[in-house]
Amino acid sequence: VQLQASGGGFVRAGGSLRLSCAVSGTIYSPNVMYWHRQAPGKQREMVGRIVRGGSTPGESTDYGDSVQGRVIISWDNAKNTMYLQVNNLKPEDTAVYYCQAHDLRTLSQYWGQGTQVTVSS
């Protein structure tokens, strides 16, 4: 299984970006897919996650406090891709964004390589 993150770039504060995490290979259900980020000199933090095939029918999402209300995580089955839509970007959103997959059947975990997001004030 490989995860390929993309979509980062330079954005002005107040703008939006959509990051993609393309999955090649099979991740079994149930699984949890995450977006994390790490800014220079700071610890990695979870941006949000999407739980697929869990006890709740369909998918469920939850988000970190620092991005609550500004982000949406979604999954496209046809493209085997997870998305992170970030709106109203702030300079403090500047970080490398990583995607992660946790296969709850095999207990395997996979990471993408990260994509840089830089927000100018």
Protein backbone atom coordinates (compact mmCIF):
# COMPACT_ATOMS: atom_id res chain seq x y z
CA VAL A 1 0.00 0.00 0.00
CA GLN A 2 1.27 3.47 -0.87
CA LEU A 3 -0.14 6.88 -0.04
CA GLN A 4 0.65 9.88 -2.22
CA ALA A 5 -0.15 13.31 -0.79
CA SER A 6 -0.43 16.30 -3.10
CA GLY A 7 -2.08 19.68 -3.50
CA GLY A 8 0.06 21.82 -1.22
CA GLY A 9 1.36 25.20 -2.23
CA PHE A 10 1.54 28.91 -1.41
CA VAL A 11 -1.70 30.59 -0.45
CA ARG A 12 -2.66 33.97 0.97
CA ALA A 13 -4.46 34.12 4.28
CA GLY A 14 -8.16 33.69 3.79
CA GLY A 15 -7.71 31.42 0.81
CA SER A 16 -8.51 27.73 0.40
CA LEU A 17 -6.71 24.58 -0.61
CA ARG A 18 -7.72 21.02 -1.27
CA LEU A 19 -5.15 18.38 -0.48
CA SER A 20 -5.36 14.89 -1.90
CA CYS A 21 -4.10 11.57 -0.60
CA ALA A 22 -4.21 8.94 -3.31
CA VAL A 23 -4.11 5.34 -2.11
CA SER A 24 -2.65 2.57 -4.21
CA GLY A 25 -3.28 -0.93 -2.97
CA THR A 26 -5.97 -2.21 -0.65
CA ILE A 27 -6.84 -0.89 2.76
CA TYR A 28 -9.44 -3.11 4.35
CA SER A 29 -12.46 -1.95 6.26
CA PRO A 30 -12.80 -0.91 8.91
CA ASN A 31 -10.07 1.69 8.68
CA VAL A 32 -9.20 5.15 9.84
CA MET A 33 -7.54 7.67 7.58
CA TYR A 34 -5.90 10.74 9.02
CA TRP A 35 -4.52 14.08 8.02
CA HIS A 36 -1.73 15.33 10.24
CA ARG A 37 0.47 18.37 10.00
CA GLN A 38 3.79 19.46 11.40
CA ALA A 39 5.03 23.01 11.48
CA PRO A 40 8.72 23.83 11.92
CA GLY A 41 9.75 23.48 15.53
CA LYS A 42 6.38 22.10 16.58
CA GLN A 43 5.00 18.68 17.32
CA ARG A 44 2.91 16.89 14.79
CA GLU A 45 -0.80 17.40 15.33
CA MET A 46 -3.82 15.62 13.97
CA VAL A 47 -5.87 17.78 11.63
CA GLY A 48 -8.70 15.29 11.31
CA ARG A 49 -9.69 11.76 10.49
CA ILE A 50 -12.30 9.77 8.67
CA VAL A 51 -13.48 6.42 9.94
CA ARG A 52 -14.73 4.04 7.28
CA GLY A 53 -16.58 0.78 7.85
CA GLY A 54 -16.77 1.22 11.60
CA SER A 55 -19.71 0.71 13.93
CA THR A 56 -21.37 3.84 12.54
CA PRO A 57 -22.87 3.13 9.09
CA GLY A 58 -21.07 4.93 6.31
CA GLU A 59 -18.29 7.28 7.30
CA SER A 60 -17.67 9.53 10.25
CA THR A 61 -15.24 12.40 10.63
CA ASP A 62 -13.81 14.47 13.41
CA TYR A 63 -11.36 17.32 13.47
CA GLY A 64 -8.74 18.97 15.63
CA ASP A 65 -9.71 22.00 17.67
CA SER A 66 -7.36 24.30 15.79
CA VAL A 67 -9.11 23.68 12.45
CA GLN A 68 -12.66 22.94 13.58
CA GLY A 69 -15.15 24.61 11.28
CA ARG A 70 -12.58 25.30 8.56
CA VAL A 71 -11.81 21.84 7.21
CA ILE A 72 -13.65 18.95 5.65
CA ILE A 73 -12.24 15.48 5.10
CA SER A 74 -13.86 13.32 2.47
CA TRP A 75 -13.27 10.03 0.66
CA ASP A 76 -13.87 9.22 -2.99
CA ASN A 77 -14.33 5.49 -3.49
CA ALA A 78 -14.05 5.69 -7.27
CA LYS A 79 -10.67 7.40 -7.05
CA ASN A 80 -9.45 5.68 -3.89
CA THR A 81 -8.50 9.11 -2.64
CA MET A 82 -8.94 11.07 0.56
CA TYR A 83 -9.30 14.83 0.46
CA LEU A 84 -8.71 17.62 2.93
CA GLN A 85 -10.49 20.87 2.11
CA VAL A 86 -9.11 23.74 4.16
CA ASN A 87 -10.88 27.08 4.06
CA ASN A 88 -10.07 30.48 5.53
CA LEU A 89 -6.39 29.57 5.72
CA LYS A 90 -4.29 31.29 8.36
CA PRO A 91 -0.51 31.76 8.58
CA GLU A 92 -0.51 29.32 11.50
CA ASP A 93 -1.76 26.63 9.11
CA THR A 94 1.69 26.66 7.48
CA ALA A 95 3.06 23.14 7.84
CA VAL A 96 3.85 19.92 6.06
CA TYR A 97 0.63 17.95 5.78
CA TYR A 98 0.77 14.17 5.92
CA CYS A 99 -1.83 11.52 5.32
CA GLN A 100 -1.93 8.25 7.20
CA ALA A 101 -4.00 5.12 6.90
CA HIS A 102 -4.66 2.67 9.71
CA ASP A 103 -6.06 -0.64 8.54
CA LEU A 104 -8.03 -1.90 11.55
CA ARG A 105 -8.31 -5.42 10.17
CA THR A 106 -4.60 -6.06 9.62
CA LEU A 107 -3.43 -3.35 12.08
CA SER A 108 -1.09 -2.05 9.39
CA GLN A 109 -0.32 1.64 9.18
CA TYR A 110 0.80 3.57 6.13
CA TRP A 111 2.08 7.11 5.66
CA GLY A 112 2.28 9.45 2.73
CA GLN A 113 5.33 11.59 2.07
CA GLY A 114 3.84 14.97 3.01
CA THR A 115 2.92 18.08 1.09
CA GLN A 116 3.96 21.60 2.08
CA VAL A 117 1.36 24.27 2.70
CA THR A 118 2.57 27.83 3.18
CA VAL A 119 0.14 30.59 4.08
CA SER A 120 1.25 34.21 3.78
CA SER A 121 -0.33 37.00 5.79
